[in-house]
Amino acid sequence: MSDRADAAESPTDIAVPERLVAVLGRGLVPADTPILRADDLGALRGDGIFETLHIRRGRPWMLHEHLRRMSGSAARLDLALPSADALAELIDLLLADWPAEVEGAARVVCTRGAEAGSDVTVFATVTAIGPAVVRARRDGITVATASLGLAADVRERAPWLLGGAKTISYAVNMASQRWAQAQGIDDVLWISAEGYALEGPTSTLIWLDGTTLCTVPAETTGILAGTTARWLLERADVFGYDADERMITPTGLLESAGVWFTSSVRGVVEIRAIDGVGTTPAKDTVRMRELLGFEV
């Protein structure tokens, strides 16, 4: 599954916009308004970054954490990202008329701008969360492992690979998910060349090792540091768990006491099978979801 929101099923008494769009320096624009030049480097080369935020009760969740991560992505790409205040104001404008009753997903995008040279292009969109996302939260998902083709530590030594940056170059991410879905599998777990589990194309991996809630170390592997995973691990003691960052293989995940993907839109989603082999049913999925504040 992608982290793109599907069309929403909403109560008939709530008018849900299909999509709202706001452009920095221009304000709200109709959703069908052209906002990229034909030579925008985001479109031509995928040269840009983005963040996706969960919208609940009409407000973005973990706004500052996402904008801080976006700033880190911009630094890795040497991209002139506007200030956090300017981006927050853009999101406020975007959500001014968003129905508080409707769960949403907002994206903030920054590209390098025109190939001939210009300021960056910055815009934000919001759409309603769809039923497929809610089903994944409730029912869990299956995943297939797929090699990323890189050693687990190579991105730490090769900054041009943009390890840890959330870029708009998502062609590989989407291709891997289409490959899995063509086989009747919901999502992908990327593994390193040595066989270590890393992350999903749009999700962070967490698992329970005894009484320790774990995730993959972002600094040494170059995976994207998950905001939702970090929030959850910082509160692991609510469940009586410790928290740690460590490496693990898919076989190790099958032997763990629970395996999940986390993301800003889906929240926490239990992985029910890896490469066709069932995982151990996790006992705390519902409690985790409730603590995170996601609904089903």
C-alpha atoms as a PDB file:
ATOM      1  CA  MET A   1       0.000   0.000   0.000  1.00  0.00           C
ATOM      2  CA  SER A   2       1.131   3.499  -0.697  1.00  0.00           C
ATOM      3  CA  ASP A   3       0.953   6.304   1.808  1.00  0.00           C
ATOM      4  CA  ARG A   4      -1.147   8.182  -0.702  1.00  0.00           C
ATOM      5  CA  ALA A   5      -4.660   8.637   0.672  1.00  0.00           C
ATOM      6  CA  ASP A   6      -7.481   6.925  -1.172  1.00  0.00           C
ATOM      7  CA  ALA A   7     -10.799   8.613  -1.813  1.00  0.00           C
ATOM      8  CA  ALA A   8     -12.628   8.892   1.488  1.00  0.00           C
ATOM      9  CA  GLU A   9     -15.897   7.409   2.656  1.00  0.00           C
ATOM     10  CA  SER A  10     -17.434  10.071   4.854  1.00  0.00           C
ATOM     11  CA  PRO A  11     -20.756  10.740   6.517  1.00  0.00           C
ATOM     12  CA  THR A  12     -23.221  12.289   4.095  1.00  0.00           C
ATOM     13  CA  ASP A  13     -23.644  15.353   6.298  1.00  0.00           C
ATOM     14  CA  ILE A  14     -19.975  16.360   6.001  1.00  0.00           C
ATOM     15  CA  ALA A  15     -18.828  18.050   2.812  1.00  0.00           C
ATOM     16  CA  VAL A  16     -15.345  16.647   2.157  1.00  0.00           C
ATOM     17  CA  PRO A  17     -13.208  18.473  -0.415  1.00  0.00           C
ATOM     18  CA  GLU A  18     -11.590  16.070  -2.876  1.00  0.00           C
ATOM     19  CA  ARG A  19      -8.273  17.879  -2.487  1.00  0.00           C
ATOM     20  CA  LEU A  20      -7.137  21.288  -1.275  1.00  0.00           C
ATOM     21  CA  VAL A  21      -3.987  22.950  -2.630  1.00  0.00           C
ATOM     22  CA  ALA A  22      -1.987  25.916  -1.345  1.00  0.00           C
ATOM     23  CA  VAL A  23       1.104  27.414  -2.999  1.00  0.00           C
ATOM     24  CA  LEU A  24       3.671  29.439  -1.094  1.00  0.00           C
ATOM     25  CA  GLY A  25       3.385  33.061  -2.178  1.00  0.00           C
ATOM     26  CA  ARG A  26       0.055  32.495  -3.947  1.00  0.00           C
ATOM     27  CA  GLY A  27      -2.247  31.082  -1.286  1.00  0.00           C
ATOM     28  CA  LEU A  28      -5.087  28.629  -1.870  1.00  0.00           C
ATOM     29  CA  VAL A  29      -5.650  27.692  -5.506  1.00  0.00           C
ATOM     30  CA  PRO A  30      -8.199  25.437  -7.216  1.00  0.00           C
ATOM     31  CA  ALA A  31      -7.033  21.827  -7.216  1.00  0.00           C
ATOM     32  CA  ASP A  32      -6.731  21.780 -11.014  1.00  0.00           C
ATOM     33  CA  THR A  33      -4.493  24.875 -11.139  1.00  0.00           C
ATOM     34  CA  PRO A  34      -1.108  24.299 -12.839  1.00  0.00           C
ATOM     35  CA  ILE A  35       1.578  25.044 -10.252  1.00  0.00           C
ATOM     36  CA  LEU A  36       4.743  23.587 -11.815  1.00  0.00           C
ATOM     37  CA  ARG A  37       6.610  24.923 -14.830  1.00  0.00           C
ATOM     38  CA  ALA A  38       7.397  22.440 -17.563  1.00  0.00           C
ATOM     39  CA  ASP A  39      11.071  22.702 -16.650  1.00  0.00           C
ATOM     40  CA  ASP A  40      10.634  22.378 -12.876  1.00  0.00           C
ATOM     41  CA  LEU A  41      13.446  20.161 -11.636  1.00  0.00           C
ATOM     42  CA  GLY A  42      11.068  18.346  -9.328  1.00  0.00           C
ATOM     43  CA  ALA A  43       9.195  17.058 -12.368  1.00  0.00           C
ATOM     44  CA  LEU A  44      12.228  16.606 -14.613  1.00  0.00           C
ATOM     45  CA  ARG A  45      14.613  14.974 -12.162  1.00  0.00           C
ATOM     46  CA  GLY A  46      12.766  14.285  -8.942  1.00  0.00           C
ATOM     47  CA  ASP A  47      14.948  16.972  -7.372  1.00  0.00           C
ATOM     48  CA  GLY A  48      12.989  17.891  -4.281  1.00  0.00           C
ATOM     49  CA  ILE A  49      11.734  16.819  -0.884  1.00  0.00           C
ATOM     50  CA  PHE A  50       8.438  16.351   0.891  1.00  0.00           C
ATOM     51  CA  GLU A  51       6.773  15.487   4.169  1.00  0.00           C
ATOM     52  CA  THR A  52       3.412  13.864   4.831  1.00  0.00           C
ATOM     53  CA  LEU A  53       1.484  14.839   7.959  1.00  0.00           C
ATOM     54  CA  HIS A  54      -1.511  13.219   9.607  1.00  0.00           C
ATOM     55  CA  ILE A  55      -4.431  15.649   9.959  1.00  0.00           C
ATOM     56  CA  ARG A  56      -6.653  15.038  12.969  1.00  0.00           C
ATOM     57  CA  ARG A  57      -9.354  17.355  14.324  1.00  0.00           C
ATOM     58  CA  GLY A  58      -8.356  19.765  11.600  1.00  0.00           C
ATOM     59  CA  ARG A  59      -4.737  20.102  12.759  1.00  0.00           C
ATOM     60  CA  PRO A  60      -1.423  18.515  11.721  1.00  0.00           C
ATOM     61  CA  TRP A  61       0.026  15.985  14.147  1.00  0.00           C
ATOM     62  CA  MET A  62       3.725  16.326  15.023  1.00  0.00           C
ATOM     63  CA  LEU A  63       4.091  19.385  12.807  1.00  0.00           C
ATOM     64  CA  HIS A  64       7.400  20.536  14.277  1.00  0.00           C
ATOM     65  CA  GLU A  65       8.937  17.053  14.077  1.00  0.00           C
ATOM     66  CA  HIS A  66       8.028  16.801  10.388  1.00  0.00           C
ATOM     67  CA  LEU A  67       9.312  20.269   9.569  1.00  0.00           C
ATOM     68  CA  ARG A  68      12.555  19.503  11.421  1.00  0.00           C
ATOM     69  CA  ARG A  69      12.987  16.321   9.347  1.00  0.00           C
ATOM     70  CA  MET A  70      12.183  18.284   6.185  1.00  0.00           C
ATOM     71  CA  SER A  71      14.907  20.766   7.097  1.00  0.00           C
ATOM     72  CA  GLY A  72      17.339  17.865   7.440  1.00  0.00           C
ATOM     73  CA  SER A  73      16.326  16.549   4.013  1.00  0.00           C
ATOM     74  CA  ALA A  74      16.848  20.020   2.527  1.00  0.00           C
ATOM     75  CA  ALA A  75      20.335  20.188   4.020  1.00  0.00           C
ATOM     76  CA  ARG A  76      21.240  16.849   2.446  1.00  0.00           C
ATOM     77  CA  LEU A  77      20.089  18.124  -0.960  1.00  0.00           C
ATOM     78  CA  ASP A  78      21.557  21.630  -0.489  1.00  0.00           C
ATOM     79  CA  LEU A  79      18.031  22.926  -1.099  1.00  0.00           C
ATOM     80  CA  ALA A  80      16.913  26.408  -0.040  1.00  0.00           C
ATOM     81  CA  LEU A  81      13.893  25.398   2.028  1.00  0.00           C
ATOM     82  CA  PRO A  82      11.785  28.308   3.340  1.00  0.00           C
ATOM     83  CA  SER A  83      11.628  28.804   7.100  1.00  0.00           C
ATOM     84  CA  ALA A  84       9.630  26.524   9.349  1.00  0.00           C
ATOM     85  CA  ASP A  85       7.372  29.471  10.188  1.00  0.00           C
ATOM     86  CA  ALA A  86       6.598  30.046   6.507  1.00  0.00           C
ATOM     87  CA  LEU A  87       5.811  26.362   5.989  1.00  0.00           C
ATOM     88  CA  ALA A  88       3.627  26.249   9.108  1.00  0.00           C
ATOM     89  CA  GLU A  89       1.694  29.295   7.855  1.00  0.00           C
ATOM     90  CA  LEU A  90       1.188  27.568   4.507  1.00  0.00           C
ATOM     91  CA  ILE A  91      -0.246  24.514   6.277  1.00  0.00           C
ATOM     92  CA  ASP A  92      -2.499  26.712   8.416  1.00  0.00           C
ATOM     93  CA  LEU A  93      -3.833  28.342   5.268  1.00  0.00           C
ATOM     94  CA  LEU A  94      -4.379  24.959   3.658  1.00  0.00           C
ATOM     95  CA  LEU A  95      -6.365  23.653   6.628  1.00  0.00           C
ATOM     96  CA  ALA A  96      -8.400  26.768   7.385  1.00  0.00           C
ATOM     97  CA  ASP A  97     -11.519  25.283   5.781  1.00  0.00           C
ATOM     98  CA  TRP A  98     -10.723  21.586   6.231  1.00  0.00           C
ATOM     99  CA  PRO A  99     -13.552  19.818   8.129  1.00  0.00           C
ATOM    100  CA  ALA A 100     -12.364  18.984  11.656  1.00  0.00           C
ATOM    101  CA  GLU A 101     -14.388  15.747  11.565  1.00  0.00           C
ATOM    102  CA  VAL A 102     -12.463  14.400   8.564  1.00  0.00           C
ATOM    103  CA  GLU A 103      -9.163  12.566   9.006  1.00  0.00           C
ATOM    104  CA  GLY A 104      -6.691  13.733   6.383  1.00  0.00           C
ATOM    105  CA  ALA A 105      -3.200  13.484   4.958  1.00  0.00           C
ATOM    106  CA  ALA A 106      -1.316  16.666   4.091  1.00  0.00           C
ATOM    107  CA  ARG A 107       1.798  16.834   1.931  1.00  0.00           C
ATOM    108  CA  VAL A 108       4.291  19.660   1.864  1.00  0.00           C
ATOM    109  CA  VAL A 109       6.529  19.617  -1.228  1.00  0.00           C
ATOM    110  CA  CYS A 110       9.610  21.666  -2.075  1.00  0.00           C
ATOM    111  CA  THR A 111      11.363  21.346  -5.457  1.00  0.00           C
ATOM    112  CA  ARG A 112      14.509  23.054  -6.675  1.00  0.00           C
ATOM    113  CA  GLY A 113      12.441  25.105  -9.102  1.00  0.00           C
ATOM    114  CA  ALA A 114      12.997  25.852 -12.767  1.00  0.00           C
ATOM    115  CA  GLU A 115      15.935  24.335 -14.625  1.00  0.00           C
ATOM    116  CA  ALA A 116      16.911  27.788 -15.902  1.00  0.00           C
ATOM    117  CA  GLY A 117      17.228  28.956 -12.305  1.00  0.00           C
ATOM    118  CA  SER A 118      14.577  30.275  -9.953  1.00  0.00           C
ATOM    119  CA  ASP A 119      13.412  30.166  -6.384  1.00  0.00           C
ATOM    120  CA  VAL A 120      12.249  26.836  -5.014  1.00  0.00           C
ATOM    121  CA  THR A 121       8.680  25.739  -5.700  1.00  0.00           C
ATOM    122  CA  VAL A 122       6.719  25.044  -2.524  1.00  0.00           C
ATOM    123  CA  PHE A 123       3.161  23.793  -2.260  1.00  0.00           C
ATOM    124  CA  ALA A 124       0.959  21.764   0.063  1.00  0.00           C
ATOM    125  CA  THR A 125      -2.038  19.508  -0.483  1.00  0.00           C
ATOM    126  CA  VAL A 126      -4.535  17.756   1.778  1.00  0.00           C
ATOM    127  CA  THR A 127      -6.823  14.820   1.003  1.00  0.00           C
ATOM    128  CA  ALA A 128      -9.087  12.619   3.090  1.00  0.00           C
ATOM    129  CA  ILE A 129      -7.869   9.290   4.443  1.00  0.00           C
ATOM    130  CA  GLY A 130      -9.502   6.454   2.556  1.00  0.00           C
ATOM    131  CA  PRO A 131     -10.929   3.074   3.524  1.00  0.00           C
ATOM    132  CA  ALA A 132      -7.895   1.078   2.332  1.00  0.00           C
ATOM    133  CA  VAL A 133      -5.709   2.823   4.908  1.00  0.00           C
ATOM    134  CA  VAL A 134      -8.236   2.172   7.661  1.00  0.00           C
ATOM    135  CA  ARG A 135      -8.483  -1.509   6.685  1.00  0.00           C
ATOM    136  CA  ALA A 136      -4.708  -1.877   6.951  1.00  0.00           C
ATOM    137  CA  ARG A 137      -4.771  -0.441  10.474  1.00  0.00           C
ATOM    138  CA  ARG A 138      -7.545  -2.782  11.488  1.00  0.00           C
ATOM    139  CA  ASP A 139      -6.617  -5.996   9.668  1.00  0.00           C
ATOM    140  CA  GLY A 140      -2.849  -5.776   9.269  1.00  0.00           C
ATOM    141  CA  ILE A 141      -0.830  -6.442   6.124  1.00  0.00           C
ATOM    142  CA  THR A 142       1.354  -9.021   4.429  1.00  0.00           C
ATOM    143  CA  VAL A 143       4.801  -8.120   3.109  1.00  0.00           C
ATOM    144  CA  ALA A 144       7.371  -9.563   0.738  1.00  0.00           C
ATOM    145  CA  THR A 145      11.083  -8.981   1.189  1.00  0.00           C
ATOM    146  CA  ALA A 146      12.929  -7.254  -1.632  1.00  0.00           C
ATOM    147  CA  SER A 147      16.607  -6.433  -1.894  1.00  0.00           C
ATOM    148  CA  LEU A 148      17.506  -2.765  -1.941  1.00  0.00           C
ATOM    149  CA  GLY A 149      20.810  -3.807  -3.543  1.00  0.00           C
ATOM    150  CA  LEU A 150      22.932  -1.907  -1.022  1.00  0.00           C
ATOM    151  CA  ALA A 151      24.991  -2.913   1.983  1.00  0.00           C
ATOM    152  CA  ALA A 152      23.391  -1.800   5.238  1.00  0.00           C
ATOM    153  CA  ASP A 153      26.120   0.736   5.971  1.00  0.00           C
ATOM    154  CA  VAL A 154      26.909   2.041   2.491  1.00  0.00           C
ATOM    155  CA  ARG A 155      24.724   5.162   2.645  1.00  0.00           C
ATOM    156  CA  GLU A 156      26.573   6.364   5.738  1.00  0.00           C
ATOM    157  CA  ARG A 157      29.731   6.424   3.609  1.00  0.00           C
ATOM    158  CA  ALA A 158      28.102   7.747   0.419  1.00  0.00           C
ATOM    159  CA  PRO A 159      26.252  11.017   1.095  1.00  0.00           C
ATOM    160  CA  TRP A 160      25.266  11.346  -2.579  1.00  0.00           C
ATOM    161  CA  LEU A 161      22.871   8.432  -2.027  1.00  0.00           C
ATOM    162  CA  LEU A 162      20.888  10.826   0.202  1.00  0.00           C
ATOM    163  CA  GLY A 163      20.406   8.388   3.025  1.00  0.00           C
ATOM    164  CA  GLY A 164      17.866   9.695   5.516  1.00  0.00           C
ATOM    165  CA  ALA A 165      16.418  12.295   3.134  1.00  0.00           C
ATOM    166  CA  LYS A 166      12.728  12.158   2.228  1.00  0.00           C
ATOM    167  CA  THR A 167      12.961  13.032  -1.446  1.00  0.00           C
ATOM    168  CA  ILE A 168      10.277  13.078  -4.125  1.00  0.00           C
ATOM    169  CA  SER A 169      12.281  10.503  -6.127  1.00  0.00           C
ATOM    170  CA  TYR A 170       9.820   7.735  -5.286  1.00  0.00           C
ATOM    171  CA  ALA A 171       9.796   5.769  -8.556  1.00  0.00           C
ATOM    172  CA  VAL A 172      11.644   2.831  -6.981  1.00  0.00           C
ATOM    173  CA  ASN A 173       9.405   2.921  -3.898  1.00  0.00           C
ATOM    174  CA  MET A 174       6.248   2.758  -5.984  1.00  0.00           C
ATOM    175  CA  ALA A 175       7.664   0.136  -8.366  1.00  0.00           C
ATOM    176  CA  SER A 176       8.493  -2.181  -5.463  1.00  0.00           C
ATOM    177  CA  GLN A 177       4.963  -1.857  -4.085  1.00  0.00           C
ATOM    178  CA  ARG A 178       3.424  -2.571  -7.492  1.00  0.00           C
ATOM    179  CA  TRP A 179       5.647  -5.649  -7.744  1.00  0.00           C
ATOM    180  CA  ALA A 180       4.353  -6.912  -4.401  1.00  0.00           C
ATOM    181  CA  GLN A 181       0.724  -6.118  -5.129  1.00  0.00           C
ATOM    182  CA  ALA A 182       0.932  -7.963  -8.454  1.00  0.00           C
ATOM    183  CA  GLN A 183       1.636 -11.053  -6.355  1.00  0.00           C
ATOM    184  CA  GLY A 184      -1.318 -10.428  -4.043  1.00  0.00           C
ATOM    185  CA  ILE A 185       0.913  -9.030  -1.262  1.00  0.00           C
ATOM    186  CA  ASP A 186       0.213  -5.713   0.441  1.00  0.00           C
ATOM    187  CA  ASP A 187       3.643  -4.144   0.865  1.00  0.00           C
ATOM    188  CA  VAL A 188       7.411  -4.569   0.740  1.00  0.00           C
ATOM    189  CA  LEU A 189      10.110  -4.927   3.367  1.00  0.00           C
ATOM    190  CA  TRP A 190      13.399  -3.784   1.915  1.00  0.00           C
ATOM    191  CA  ILE A 191      16.468  -5.754   2.943  1.00  0.00           C
ATOM    192  CA  SER A 192      20.156  -4.945   2.589  1.00  0.00           C
ATOM    193  CA  ALA A 193      22.599  -6.826   0.403  1.00  0.00           C
ATOM    194  CA  GLU A 194      23.688  -8.801   3.498  1.00  0.00           C
ATOM    195  CA  GLY A 195      20.097  -9.703   4.328  1.00  0.00           C
ATOM    196  CA  TYR A 196      19.251  -7.240   7.119  1.00  0.00           C
ATOM    197  CA  ALA A 197      15.736  -5.844   7.334  1.00  0.00           C
ATOM    198  CA  LEU A 198      15.699  -2.084   6.702  1.00  0.00           C
ATOM    199  CA  GLU A 199      12.344  -0.349   6.106  1.00  0.00           C
ATOM    200  CA  GLY A 200       9.287  -0.281   3.886  1.00  0.00           C
ATOM    201  CA  PRO A 201       8.992   1.940   0.803  1.00  0.00           C
ATOM    202  CA  THR A 202       6.729   4.302   2.767  1.00  0.00           C
ATOM    203  CA  SER A 203       7.024   2.943   6.305  1.00  0.00           C
ATOM    204  CA  THR A 204       9.363   2.397   9.259  1.00  0.00           C
ATOM    205  CA  LEU A 205       9.902  -1.090  10.672  1.00  0.00           C
ATOM    206  CA  ILE A 206       9.457  -1.789  14.385  1.00  0.00           C
ATOM    207  CA  TRP A 207       9.347  -5.090  16.232  1.00  0.00           C
ATOM    208  CA  LEU A 208       9.165  -6.532  19.736  1.00  0.00           C
ATOM    209  CA  ASP A 209      12.165  -8.528  20.936  1.00  0.00           C
ATOM    210  CA  GLY A 210      11.093  -9.980  24.278  1.00  0.00           C
ATOM    211  CA  THR A 211      10.214  -6.843  26.209  1.00  0.00           C
ATOM    212  CA  THR A 212      12.199  -4.440  24.000  1.00  0.00           C
ATOM    213  CA  LEU A 213      10.512  -2.432  21.269  1.00  0.00           C
ATOM    214  CA  CYS A 214      13.037  -2.014  18.471  1.00  0.00           C
ATOM    215  CA  THR A 215      13.644  -0.192  15.221  1.00  0.00           C
ATOM    216  CA  VAL A 216      16.492  -0.072  12.722  1.00  0.00           C
ATOM    217  CA  PRO A 217      19.219   2.540  13.449  1.00  0.00           C
ATOM    218  CA  ALA A 218      18.757   5.344  10.926  1.00  0.00           C
ATOM    219  CA  GLU A 219      22.150   7.008  11.340  1.00  0.00           C
ATOM    220  CA  THR A 220      24.210   3.972  10.345  1.00  0.00           C
ATOM    221  CA  THR A 221      21.893   2.504   7.690  1.00  0.00           C
ATOM    222  CA  GLY A 222      20.629   5.622   5.929  1.00  0.00           C
ATOM    223  CA  ILE A 223      16.965   4.669   6.283  1.00  0.00           C
ATOM    224  CA  LEU A 224      14.474   7.476   6.783  1.00  0.00           C
ATOM    225  CA  ALA A 225      14.118   8.157  10.494  1.00  0.00           C
ATOM    226  CA  GLY A 226      10.422   7.567  11.216  1.00  0.00           C
ATOM    227  CA  THR A 227       8.634  10.275  13.198  1.00  0.00           C
ATOM    228  CA  THR A 228       5.780   7.962  14.214  1.00  0.00           C
ATOM    229  CA  ALA A 229       8.145   5.154  15.186  1.00  0.00           C
ATOM    230  CA  ARG A 230      10.254   7.525  17.274  1.00  0.00           C
ATOM    231  CA  TRP A 231       7.170   8.899  19.062  1.00  0.00           C
ATOM    232  CA  LEU A 232       6.071   5.363  19.880  1.00  0.00           C
ATOM    233  CA  LEU A 233       9.477   4.127  21.043  1.00  0.00           C
ATOM    234  CA  GLU A 234       9.830   7.138  23.323  1.00  0.00           C
ATOM    235  CA  ARG A 235       6.675   5.913  25.081  1.00  0.00           C
ATOM    236  CA  ALA A 236       7.523   2.193  25.107  1.00  0.00           C
ATOM    237  CA  ASP A 237       7.387   2.219  28.913  1.00  0.00           C
ATOM    238  CA  VAL A 238       3.597   2.682  28.683  1.00  0.00           C
ATOM    239  CA  PHE A 239       3.508  -0.983  27.628  1.00  0.00           C
ATOM    240  CA  GLY A 240       6.201  -2.068  30.067  1.00  0.00           C
ATOM    241  CA  TYR A 241       8.833  -2.211  27.296  1.00  0.00           C
ATOM    242  CA  ASP A 242      12.333  -0.896  26.854  1.00  0.00           C
ATOM    243  CA  ALA A 243      13.331   0.688  23.538  1.00  0.00           C
ATOM    244  CA  ASP A 244      16.374   0.115  21.345  1.00  0.00           C
ATOM    245  CA  GLU A 245      17.809   0.427  17.850  1.00  0.00           C
ATOM    246  CA  ARG A 246      19.355  -2.709  16.402  1.00  0.00           C
ATOM    247  CA  MET A 247      19.725  -4.796  13.255  1.00  0.00           C
ATOM    248  CA  ILE A 248      17.646  -7.878  12.491  1.00  0.00           C
ATOM    249  CA  THR A 249      17.029 -10.321   9.658  1.00  0.00           C
ATOM    250  CA  PRO A 250      13.609 -11.327   8.293  1.00  0.00           C
ATOM    251  CA  THR A 251      14.059 -14.677  10.052  1.00  0.00           C
ATOM    252  CA  GLY A 252      14.605 -12.819  13.305  1.00  0.00           C
ATOM    253  CA  LEU A 253      11.412 -10.851  12.707  1.00  0.00           C
ATOM    254  CA  LEU A 254       9.471 -14.089  12.337  1.00  0.00           C
ATOM    255  CA  GLU A 255      10.785 -15.133  15.752  1.00  0.00           C
ATOM    256  CA  SER A 256       9.865 -11.838  17.415  1.00  0.00           C
ATOM    257  CA  ALA A 257       6.779 -11.160  19.544  1.00  0.00           C
ATOM    258  CA  GLY A 258       5.301  -8.694  17.058  1.00  0.00           C
ATOM    259  CA  VAL A 259       6.201  -6.839  13.863  1.00  0.00           C
ATOM    260  CA  TRP A 260       4.746  -3.565  12.578  1.00  0.00           C
ATOM    261  CA  PHE A 261       5.114  -0.866   9.957  1.00  0.00           C
ATOM    262  CA  THR A 262       4.575   2.700  11.157  1.00  0.00           C
ATOM    263  CA  SER A 263       3.935   5.801   9.078  1.00  0.00           C
ATOM    264  CA  SER A 264       2.383   9.222   9.404  1.00  0.00           C
ATOM    265  CA  VAL A 265      -0.830   8.254   7.616  1.00  0.00           C
ATOM    266  CA  ARG A 266      -1.398   4.604   8.472  1.00  0.00           C
ATOM    267  CA  GLY A 267      -0.161   4.945  12.036  1.00  0.00           C
ATOM    268  CA  VAL A 268       0.836   1.498  13.292  1.00  0.00           C
ATOM    269  CA  VAL A 269       0.007  -1.514  11.116  1.00  0.00           C
ATOM    270  CA  GLU A 270       0.677  -5.097  12.159  1.00  0.00           C
ATOM    271  CA  ILE A 271       2.632  -7.241   9.696  1.00  0.00           C
ATOM    272  CA  ARG A 272       0.802 -10.577   9.630  1.00  0.00           C
ATOM    273  CA  ALA A 273       3.098 -12.465   7.246  1.00  0.00           C
ATOM    274  CA  ILE A 274       6.568 -12.119   5.712  1.00  0.00           C
ATOM    275  CA  ASP A 275       7.213 -13.938   2.430  1.00  0.00           C
ATOM    276  CA  GLY A 276       4.157 -16.090   3.076  1.00  0.00           C
ATOM    277  CA  VAL A 277       5.173 -17.140   6.585  1.00  0.00           C
ATOM    278  CA  GLY A 278       2.908 -15.981   9.398  1.00  0.00           C
ATOM    279  CA  THR A 279       4.306 -13.808  12.153  1.00  0.00           C
ATOM    280  CA  THR A 280       3.533 -14.160  15.851  1.00  0.00           C
ATOM    281  CA  PRO A 281       0.252 -12.316  16.567  1.00  0.00           C
ATOM    282  CA  ALA A 282       1.097  -9.081  18.359  1.00  0.00           C
ATOM    283  CA  LYS A 283      -0.849  -8.426  21.562  1.00  0.00           C
ATOM    284  CA  ASP A 284      -0.452  -4.647  21.771  1.00  0.00           C
ATOM    285  CA  THR A 285      -1.437  -3.449  18.290  1.00  0.00           C
ATOM    286  CA  VAL A 286      -4.747  -1.954  19.399  1.00  0.00           C
ATOM    287  CA  ARG A 287      -3.179  -0.264  22.438  1.00  0.00           C
ATOM    288  CA  MET A 288      -0.411   1.185  20.265  1.00  0.00           C
ATOM    289  CA  ARG A 289      -2.909   2.495  17.757  1.00  0.00           C
ATOM    290  CA  GLU A 290      -4.995   4.066  20.490  1.00  0.00           C
ATOM    291  CA  LEU A 291      -1.949   5.663  22.117  1.00  0.00           C
ATOM    292  CA  LEU A 292      -0.942   7.108  18.759  1.00  0.00           C
ATOM    293  CA  GLY A 293      -4.479   8.438  18.290  1.00  0.00           C
ATOM    294  CA  PHE A 294      -5.387   6.685  15.040  1.00  0.00           C
ATOM    295  CA  GLU A 295      -8.925   5.451  14.374  1.00  0.00           C
ATOM    296  CA  VAL A 296     -10.378   2.435  12.601  1.00  0.00           C
END
